[in-house]
């Protein structure tokens, strides 16, 4: 459990963008992703999708590592489930609706957290492991 907390803290610390006035929240990533999808700038869309996909893959690999080492999984998706940028953003938006209806165990608005934390909360919420 201590390692999980350490990972969460490190994710929070490394999420701070040195060139921004404030860290980007998940809400900001969703806004920028939606702008990129409507834009004709393919590089913009590719860059933000690549970043979101990288976050997703990092969380999935961490989850696999925890499971393989017996430390317990963060979430338990169906076998061969893939989390591309569009799917992950859709799940996070759905998680936000669940949060607003009071249907989550998380005390904070997932859109106000860093993307990495929101993604972990979302995947844990929609793909819980059986106890």
C-alpha atoms as a PDB file:
ATOM      1  CA  UNK A   1       0.000   0.000   0.000  1.00  0.00           C
ATOM      2  CA  UNK A   2       2.894   2.360   0.769  1.00  0.00           C
ATOM      3  CA  UNK A   3       4.249   1.911  -2.756  1.00  0.00           C
ATOM      4  CA  UNK A   4       0.852   2.810  -4.231  1.00  0.00           C
ATOM      5  CA  UNK A   5       0.752   6.011  -2.190  1.00  0.00           C
ATOM      6  CA  UNK A   6       4.319   6.827  -3.233  1.00  0.00           C
ATOM      7  CA  UNK A   7       3.412   6.356  -6.892  1.00  0.00           C
ATOM      8  CA  UNK A   8       0.393   8.660  -6.521  1.00  0.00           C
ATOM      9  CA  UNK A   9       2.545  11.338  -4.900  1.00  0.00           C
ATOM     10  CA  UNK A  10       5.206  11.050  -7.601  1.00  0.00           C
ATOM     11  CA  UNK A  11       2.576  11.314 -10.308  1.00  0.00           C
ATOM     12  CA  UNK A  12       1.275  14.482  -8.721  1.00  0.00           C
ATOM     13  CA  UNK A  13       4.741  16.006  -8.419  1.00  0.00           C
ATOM     14  CA  UNK A  14       5.805  15.160 -11.971  1.00  0.00           C
ATOM     15  CA  UNK A  15       2.549  16.436 -13.470  1.00  0.00           C
ATOM     16  CA  UNK A  16       3.476  20.066 -12.816  1.00  0.00           C
ATOM     17  CA  UNK A  17       4.274  21.746 -16.114  1.00  0.00           C
ATOM     18  CA  UNK A  18       7.317  23.989 -15.607  1.00  0.00           C
ATOM     19  CA  UNK A  19       6.197  26.367 -18.358  1.00  0.00           C
ATOM     20  CA  UNK A  20       2.593  26.804 -17.250  1.00  0.00           C
ATOM     21  CA  UNK A  21       1.231  29.116 -14.607  1.00  0.00           C
ATOM     22  CA  UNK A  22      -0.723  26.240 -13.127  1.00  0.00           C
ATOM     23  CA  UNK A  23      -0.800  22.482 -13.620  1.00  0.00           C
ATOM     24  CA  UNK A  24      -3.188  21.160 -16.219  1.00  0.00           C
ATOM     25  CA  UNK A  25      -6.221  19.463 -14.762  1.00  0.00           C
ATOM     26  CA  UNK A  26      -8.076  16.619 -16.424  1.00  0.00           C
ATOM     27  CA  UNK A  27     -10.722  19.167 -17.384  1.00  0.00           C
ATOM     28  CA  UNK A  28      -8.104  21.090 -19.376  1.00  0.00           C
ATOM     29  CA  UNK A  29      -6.874  17.944 -21.140  1.00  0.00           C
ATOM     30  CA  UNK A  30     -10.444  17.075 -22.117  1.00  0.00           C
ATOM     31  CA  UNK A  31     -11.021  20.597 -23.454  1.00  0.00           C
ATOM     32  CA  UNK A  32      -7.789  20.529 -25.454  1.00  0.00           C
ATOM     33  CA  UNK A  33      -8.527  17.034 -26.773  1.00  0.00           C
ATOM     34  CA  UNK A  34     -11.983  18.120 -27.940  1.00  0.00           C
ATOM     35  CA  UNK A  35     -10.486  21.222 -29.604  1.00  0.00           C
ATOM     36  CA  UNK A  36      -7.886  19.047 -31.318  1.00  0.00           C
ATOM     37  CA  UNK A  37     -10.553  16.679 -32.652  1.00  0.00           C
ATOM     38  CA  UNK A  38     -12.420  19.617 -34.211  1.00  0.00           C
ATOM     39  CA  UNK A  39      -9.219  21.182 -35.541  1.00  0.00           C
ATOM     40  CA  UNK A  40      -7.601  20.530 -38.897  1.00  0.00           C
ATOM     41  CA  UNK A  41      -4.214  20.492 -37.160  1.00  0.00           C
ATOM     42  CA  UNK A  42      -3.357  16.785 -37.242  1.00  0.00           C
ATOM     43  CA  UNK A  43      -0.130  17.339 -35.286  1.00  0.00           C
ATOM     44  CA  UNK A  44      -2.091  18.877 -32.405  1.00  0.00           C
ATOM     45  CA  UNK A  45      -4.454  15.894 -32.301  1.00  0.00           C
ATOM     46  CA  UNK A  46      -1.606  13.386 -32.626  1.00  0.00           C
ATOM     47  CA  UNK A  47       0.363  15.026 -29.816  1.00  0.00           C
ATOM     48  CA  UNK A  48      -2.473  15.104 -27.302  1.00  0.00           C
ATOM     49  CA  UNK A  49      -3.636  11.588 -28.233  1.00  0.00           C
ATOM     50  CA  UNK A  50      -0.082  10.309 -27.852  1.00  0.00           C
ATOM     51  CA  UNK A  51       0.204  11.919 -24.417  1.00  0.00           C
ATOM     52  CA  UNK A  52      -3.125  10.492 -23.235  1.00  0.00           C
ATOM     53  CA  UNK A  53      -2.230   7.072 -24.656  1.00  0.00           C
ATOM     54  CA  UNK A  54       1.134   7.236 -22.861  1.00  0.00           C
ATOM     55  CA  UNK A  55      -0.600   7.953 -19.560  1.00  0.00           C
ATOM     56  CA  UNK A  56      -2.970   5.057 -20.209  1.00  0.00           C
ATOM     57  CA  UNK A  57      -0.169   2.628 -21.064  1.00  0.00           C
ATOM     58  CA  UNK A  58       1.828   3.685 -18.013  1.00  0.00           C
ATOM     59  CA  UNK A  59      -1.114   3.040 -15.720  1.00  0.00           C
ATOM     60  CA  UNK A  60      -1.862  -0.312 -17.388  1.00  0.00           C
ATOM     61  CA  UNK A  61       1.796  -1.388 -17.071  1.00  0.00           C
ATOM     62  CA  UNK A  62       1.889  -0.331 -13.408  1.00  0.00           C
ATOM     63  CA  UNK A  63      -1.293  -2.304 -12.833  1.00  0.00           C
ATOM     64  CA  UNK A  64       0.242  -5.379 -14.500  1.00  0.00           C
ATOM     65  CA  UNK A  65       3.404  -4.999 -12.426  1.00  0.00           C
ATOM     66  CA  UNK A  66       1.464  -4.791  -9.161  1.00  0.00           C
ATOM     67  CA  UNK A  67      -0.557  -7.848 -10.156  1.00  0.00           C
ATOM     68  CA  UNK A  68       2.497  -9.850 -11.193  1.00  0.00           C
ATOM     69  CA  UNK A  69       4.376  -9.069  -7.990  1.00  0.00           C
ATOM     70  CA  UNK A  70       1.435  -9.927  -5.755  1.00  0.00           C
ATOM     71  CA  UNK A  71       0.866  -6.387  -4.526  1.00  0.00           C
ATOM     72  CA  UNK A  72      -2.705  -6.260  -5.842  1.00  0.00           C
ATOM     73  CA  UNK A  73      -4.116  -4.651  -8.929  1.00  0.00           C
ATOM     74  CA  UNK A  74      -5.359  -1.068  -9.124  1.00  0.00           C
ATOM     75  CA  UNK A  75      -8.130  -2.224 -11.475  1.00  0.00           C
ATOM     76  CA  UNK A  76      -9.202  -5.392 -13.299  1.00  0.00           C
ATOM     77  CA  UNK A  77     -10.358  -4.793 -16.876  1.00  0.00           C
ATOM     78  CA  UNK A  78     -11.640  -7.544 -19.166  1.00  0.00           C
ATOM     79  CA  UNK A  79      -8.900  -9.522 -20.891  1.00  0.00           C
ATOM     80  CA  UNK A  80      -7.291  -7.755 -23.872  1.00  0.00           C
ATOM     81  CA  UNK A  81      -9.064  -4.456 -23.099  1.00  0.00           C
ATOM     82  CA  UNK A  82      -7.386  -1.506 -24.817  1.00  0.00           C
ATOM     83  CA  UNK A  83      -7.616   2.083 -23.623  1.00  0.00           C
ATOM     84  CA  UNK A  84      -7.065   4.455 -26.538  1.00  0.00           C
ATOM     85  CA  UNK A  85      -7.323   8.212 -25.981  1.00  0.00           C
ATOM     86  CA  UNK A  86     -10.941   8.512 -27.103  1.00  0.00           C
ATOM     87  CA  UNK A  87     -12.081   5.601 -24.927  1.00  0.00           C
ATOM     88  CA  UNK A  88     -10.213   6.842 -21.847  1.00  0.00           C
ATOM     89  CA  UNK A  89     -11.553  10.397 -22.234  1.00  0.00           C
ATOM     90  CA  UNK A  90     -15.062   8.987 -22.658  1.00  0.00           C
ATOM     91  CA  UNK A  91     -14.686   6.937 -19.475  1.00  0.00           C
ATOM     92  CA  UNK A  92     -13.377   9.953 -17.551  1.00  0.00           C
ATOM     93  CA  UNK A  93     -16.352  12.035 -18.695  1.00  0.00           C
ATOM     94  CA  UNK A  94     -18.662   9.226 -17.604  1.00  0.00           C
ATOM     95  CA  UNK A  95     -16.803   9.086 -14.274  1.00  0.00           C
ATOM     96  CA  UNK A  96     -17.428  12.818 -13.855  1.00  0.00           C
ATOM     97  CA  UNK A  97     -21.170  12.247 -14.321  1.00  0.00           C
ATOM     98  CA  UNK A  98     -21.038   9.392 -11.779  1.00  0.00           C
ATOM     99  CA  UNK A  99     -19.179  11.657  -9.337  1.00  0.00           C
ATOM    100  CA  UNK A 100     -21.754  14.438  -9.720  1.00  0.00           C
ATOM    101  CA  UNK A 101     -24.545  11.937  -8.981  1.00  0.00           C
ATOM    102  CA  UNK A 102     -22.675  10.750  -5.867  1.00  0.00           C
ATOM    103  CA  UNK A 103     -22.029   7.284  -7.297  1.00  0.00           C
ATOM    104  CA  UNK A 104     -18.279   7.093  -6.648  1.00  0.00           C
ATOM    105  CA  UNK A 105     -16.148   6.469  -3.591  1.00  0.00           C
ATOM    106  CA  UNK A 106     -13.823   9.345  -4.499  1.00  0.00           C
ATOM    107  CA  UNK A 107     -14.256  12.553  -2.500  1.00  0.00           C
ATOM    108  CA  UNK A 108     -12.855  14.933  -5.137  1.00  0.00           C
ATOM    109  CA  UNK A 109     -14.003  16.007  -8.577  1.00  0.00           C
ATOM    110  CA  UNK A 110     -12.110  13.816 -11.066  1.00  0.00           C
ATOM    111  CA  UNK A 111     -11.911  16.654 -13.589  1.00  0.00           C
ATOM    112  CA  UNK A 112     -10.023  18.863 -11.142  1.00  0.00           C
ATOM    113  CA  UNK A 113      -7.330  16.249 -10.475  1.00  0.00           C
ATOM    114  CA  UNK A 114      -4.276  15.640 -12.664  1.00  0.00           C
ATOM    115  CA  UNK A 115      -5.037  13.424 -15.660  1.00  0.00           C
ATOM    116  CA  UNK A 116      -2.980  10.551 -14.254  1.00  0.00           C
ATOM    117  CA  UNK A 117      -4.985  10.451 -11.024  1.00  0.00           C
ATOM    118  CA  UNK A 118      -8.325  10.836 -12.815  1.00  0.00           C
ATOM    119  CA  UNK A 119      -7.424   7.953 -15.119  1.00  0.00           C
ATOM    120  CA  UNK A 120      -6.536   5.683 -12.178  1.00  0.00           C
ATOM    121  CA  UNK A 121      -9.753   6.611 -10.342  1.00  0.00           C
ATOM    122  CA  UNK A 122     -11.775   6.048 -13.508  1.00  0.00           C
ATOM    123  CA  UNK A 123     -10.268   2.677 -14.347  1.00  0.00           C
ATOM    124  CA  UNK A 124     -10.609   1.569 -10.710  1.00  0.00           C
ATOM    125  CA  UNK A 125     -14.232   2.700 -10.680  1.00  0.00           C
ATOM    126  CA  UNK A 126     -15.330   1.027 -13.918  1.00  0.00           C
ATOM    127  CA  UNK A 127     -13.113  -2.064 -13.648  1.00  0.00           C
ATOM    128  CA  UNK A 128     -12.949  -2.913  -9.931  1.00  0.00           C
ATOM    129  CA  UNK A 129     -11.210  -6.062  -8.796  1.00  0.00           C
ATOM    130  CA  UNK A 130     -13.209  -8.648  -6.930  1.00  0.00           C
ATOM    131  CA  UNK A 131     -12.294  -8.657  -3.274  1.00  0.00           C
END
